[in-house]
N, C-alpha and C. Protein backbone atom coordinates (compact mmCIF):
# COMPACT_ATOMS: atom_id res chain seq x y z
N MET A 1 73.14 122.19 123.36
CA MET A 1 73.96 123.10 122.57
C MET A 1 73.12 123.53 121.36
N SER A 2 73.10 124.83 121.13
CA SER A 2 72.32 125.34 120.01
C SER A 2 73.03 125.06 118.69
N ASP A 3 72.30 125.21 117.62
CA ASP A 3 72.84 124.94 116.29
C ASP A 3 74.00 125.88 115.96
N ASP A 4 73.86 127.16 116.35
CA ASP A 4 74.93 128.12 116.08
C ASP A 4 76.20 127.79 116.86
N ALA A 5 76.04 127.42 118.11
CA ALA A 5 77.20 127.06 118.93
C ALA A 5 77.87 125.81 118.37
N TYR A 6 77.07 124.85 117.93
CA TYR A 6 77.63 123.63 117.35
C TYR A 6 78.41 123.95 116.07
N GLN A 7 77.88 124.82 115.24
CA GLN A 7 78.58 125.19 114.01
C GLN A 7 79.87 125.94 114.30
N ARG A 8 79.87 126.79 115.32
CA ARG A 8 81.10 127.49 115.71
C ARG A 8 82.15 126.50 116.20
N ASP A 9 81.73 125.56 117.05
CA ASP A 9 82.67 124.56 117.55
C ASP A 9 83.22 123.70 116.41
N THR A 10 82.36 123.33 115.49
CA THR A 10 82.78 122.52 114.35
C THR A 10 83.75 123.29 113.47
N ALA A 11 83.50 124.56 113.24
CA ALA A 11 84.40 125.39 112.43
C ALA A 11 85.75 125.56 113.12
N ALA A 12 85.74 125.73 114.43
CA ALA A 12 87.01 125.86 115.16
C ALA A 12 87.80 124.55 115.10
N PHE A 13 87.11 123.43 115.21
CA PHE A 13 87.77 122.13 115.12
C PHE A 13 88.36 121.92 113.73
N ALA A 14 87.63 122.29 112.69
CA ALA A 14 88.13 122.15 111.32
C ALA A 14 89.35 123.05 111.09
N ALA A 15 89.33 124.24 111.64
CA ALA A 15 90.48 125.14 111.50
C ALA A 15 91.71 124.57 112.20
N MET A 16 91.51 123.93 113.36
CA MET A 16 92.63 123.31 114.06
C MET A 16 93.21 122.17 113.23
N LEU A 17 92.36 121.38 112.59
CA LEU A 17 92.83 120.28 111.76
C LEU A 17 93.64 120.77 110.56
N VAL A 18 93.18 121.86 109.97
CA VAL A 18 93.91 122.42 108.83
C VAL A 18 95.30 122.88 109.27
N LYS A 19 95.37 123.52 110.44
CA LYS A 19 96.65 123.99 110.95
C LYS A 19 97.58 122.81 111.25
N GLN A 20 97.04 121.74 111.81
CA GLN A 20 97.86 120.57 112.12
C GLN A 20 98.35 119.88 110.85
N ALA A 21 97.57 119.92 109.80
CA ALA A 21 97.98 119.27 108.55
C ALA A 21 98.93 120.15 107.75
N ALA A 22 98.89 121.45 107.96
CA ALA A 22 99.68 122.36 107.13
C ALA A 22 101.13 122.50 107.59
N TRP A 23 101.40 122.49 108.89
CA TRP A 23 102.77 122.79 109.31
C TRP A 23 103.77 121.69 108.93
N PRO A 24 103.45 120.39 108.98
CA PRO A 24 104.44 119.42 108.52
C PRO A 24 104.72 119.56 107.02
N ALA A 25 103.68 119.85 106.27
CA ALA A 25 103.87 120.03 104.83
C ALA A 25 104.75 121.24 104.55
N ALA A 26 104.58 122.31 105.29
CA ALA A 26 105.40 123.50 105.08
C ALA A 26 106.86 123.22 105.40
N LEU A 27 107.13 122.47 106.47
CA LEU A 27 108.50 122.13 106.82
C LEU A 27 109.15 121.25 105.75
N VAL A 28 108.40 120.28 105.27
CA VAL A 28 108.94 119.36 104.26
C VAL A 28 109.23 120.11 102.96
N ILE A 29 108.32 120.96 102.54
CA ILE A 29 108.53 121.72 101.31
C ILE A 29 109.73 122.66 101.45
N ALA A 30 109.86 123.31 102.60
CA ALA A 30 111.00 124.21 102.81
C ALA A 30 112.31 123.44 102.79
N GLY A 31 112.35 122.31 103.48
CA GLY A 31 113.59 121.53 103.52
C GLY A 31 113.98 120.97 102.16
N ASP A 32 113.00 120.47 101.43
CA ASP A 32 113.31 119.90 100.12
C ASP A 32 113.57 120.96 99.07
N SER A 33 113.15 122.16 99.31
CA SER A 33 113.47 123.24 98.37
C SER A 33 114.92 123.70 98.53
N VAL A 34 115.41 123.66 99.74
CA VAL A 34 116.75 124.17 100.03
C VAL A 34 117.83 123.10 99.79
N ALA A 35 117.51 121.84 100.00
CA ALA A 35 118.52 120.77 99.93
C ALA A 35 119.26 120.72 98.58
N PRO A 36 118.58 120.75 97.44
CA PRO A 36 119.33 120.71 96.18
C PRO A 36 120.20 121.96 95.96
N LEU A 37 119.74 123.09 96.45
CA LEU A 37 120.53 124.31 96.30
C LEU A 37 121.82 124.23 97.10
N VAL A 38 121.73 123.71 98.30
CA VAL A 38 122.93 123.56 99.14
C VAL A 38 123.87 122.53 98.52
N ALA A 39 123.32 121.41 98.07
CA ALA A 39 124.15 120.38 97.46
C ALA A 39 124.83 120.89 96.19
N SER A 40 124.12 121.67 95.40
CA SER A 40 124.68 122.21 94.17
C SER A 40 125.79 123.22 94.46
N ALA A 41 125.58 124.04 95.46
CA ALA A 41 126.59 125.05 95.80
C ALA A 41 127.87 124.40 96.31
N ARG A 42 127.75 123.26 96.95
CA ARG A 42 128.94 122.58 97.48
C ARG A 42 129.53 121.60 96.46
N GLY A 43 128.92 121.48 95.30
CA GLY A 43 129.44 120.58 94.28
C GLY A 43 129.17 119.12 94.57
N ALA A 44 128.18 118.85 95.41
CA ALA A 44 127.92 117.48 95.85
C ALA A 44 127.07 116.69 94.86
N LEU A 45 126.54 117.34 93.85
CA LEU A 45 125.66 116.62 92.93
C LEU A 45 126.43 115.65 92.04
N TYR A 46 127.75 115.69 92.10
CA TYR A 46 128.55 114.75 91.30
C TYR A 46 128.85 113.48 92.07
N ALA A 47 128.56 113.45 93.35
CA ALA A 47 128.79 112.26 94.17
C ALA A 47 127.53 111.40 94.17
N PRO A 48 127.65 110.12 93.85
CA PRO A 48 126.46 109.26 93.80
C PRO A 48 125.72 109.16 95.14
N LEU A 49 126.45 109.18 96.24
CA LEU A 49 125.80 109.09 97.55
C LEU A 49 124.95 110.34 97.82
N ALA A 50 125.43 111.50 97.41
CA ALA A 50 124.67 112.73 97.60
C ALA A 50 123.40 112.73 96.77
N VAL A 51 123.50 112.24 95.55
CA VAL A 51 122.31 112.17 94.70
C VAL A 51 121.31 111.19 95.29
N LEU A 52 121.80 110.06 95.80
CA LEU A 52 120.92 109.10 96.45
C LEU A 52 120.23 109.71 97.67
N ALA A 53 120.97 110.50 98.44
CA ALA A 53 120.39 111.15 99.61
C ALA A 53 119.29 112.13 99.21
N LEU A 54 119.50 112.87 98.12
CA LEU A 54 118.47 113.80 97.66
C LEU A 54 117.24 113.06 97.16
N VAL A 55 117.43 111.93 96.51
CA VAL A 55 116.29 111.14 96.03
C VAL A 55 115.51 110.58 97.21
N VAL A 56 116.21 110.11 98.23
CA VAL A 56 115.54 109.60 99.43
C VAL A 56 114.78 110.72 100.13
N ALA A 57 115.38 111.90 100.21
CA ALA A 57 114.70 113.04 100.83
C ALA A 57 113.45 113.42 100.05
N ALA A 58 113.53 113.40 98.74
CA ALA A 58 112.36 113.73 97.93
C ALA A 58 111.26 112.67 98.10
N ALA A 59 111.65 111.40 98.14
CA ALA A 59 110.66 110.34 98.33
C ALA A 59 110.00 110.44 99.71
N SER A 60 110.78 110.75 100.72
CA SER A 60 110.19 110.89 102.05
C SER A 60 109.27 112.11 102.11
N ALA A 61 109.62 113.16 101.38
CA ALA A 61 108.75 114.34 101.34
C ALA A 61 107.41 114.00 100.72
N VAL A 62 107.43 113.24 99.65
CA VAL A 62 106.18 112.83 99.00
C VAL A 62 105.36 111.97 99.97
N ALA A 63 106.02 111.09 100.71
CA ALA A 63 105.31 110.24 101.67
C ALA A 63 104.68 111.07 102.79
N VAL A 64 105.44 112.03 103.33
CA VAL A 64 104.90 112.87 104.41
C VAL A 64 103.74 113.72 103.91
N LEU A 65 103.88 114.29 102.73
CA LEU A 65 102.78 115.09 102.19
C LEU A 65 101.55 114.23 101.93
N GLY A 66 101.77 113.03 101.41
CA GLY A 66 100.65 112.12 101.17
C GLY A 66 99.95 111.72 102.45
N LEU A 67 100.73 111.39 103.48
CA LEU A 67 100.12 111.03 104.77
C LEU A 67 99.41 112.21 105.41
N SER A 68 99.96 113.41 105.27
CA SER A 68 99.29 114.59 105.80
C SER A 68 97.96 114.81 105.09
N THR A 69 97.95 114.60 103.80
CA THR A 69 96.72 114.78 103.03
C THR A 69 95.69 113.73 103.43
N LEU A 70 96.12 112.48 103.56
CA LEU A 70 95.19 111.43 103.96
C LEU A 70 94.66 111.68 105.37
N SER A 71 95.53 112.09 106.26
CA SER A 71 95.12 112.36 107.63
C SER A 71 94.10 113.49 107.67
N PHE A 72 94.39 114.53 106.89
CA PHE A 72 93.47 115.67 106.86
C PHE A 72 92.13 115.28 106.27
N SER A 73 92.14 114.52 105.18
CA SER A 73 90.88 114.19 104.52
C SER A 73 90.04 113.25 105.38
N THR A 74 90.64 112.34 106.14
CA THR A 74 89.85 111.46 106.97
C THR A 74 89.25 112.20 108.15
N HIS A 75 90.02 113.14 108.74
CA HIS A 75 89.47 113.91 109.86
C HIS A 75 88.44 114.92 109.36
N CYS A 76 88.63 115.42 108.19
CA CYS A 76 87.72 116.42 107.65
C CYS A 76 86.34 115.82 107.40
N CYS A 77 86.28 114.58 107.02
CA CYS A 77 85.00 113.95 106.70
C CYS A 77 84.14 113.73 107.95
N PHE A 78 84.76 113.65 109.11
CA PHE A 78 83.98 113.40 110.33
C PHE A 78 83.48 114.67 110.96
N VAL A 79 83.88 115.81 110.45
CA VAL A 79 83.45 117.08 111.05
C VAL A 79 82.04 117.39 110.65
């Protein structure tokens, strides 16, 4: 395999990794952006269970984003 072909394959692989790391983050950000708005519109922010659910959702979003970042950075280093 020539150097140019290897670089093209490596670039395509890196682009695939970026796409795989980006879509879960986009879903999590979209879901966590809408959840407080929906809860506020329904008046649920006064219920302790609803507030706890929003806190758990935010914590899970941070965990998913962190794992996506770690996954991306470890795969990126091997390219």
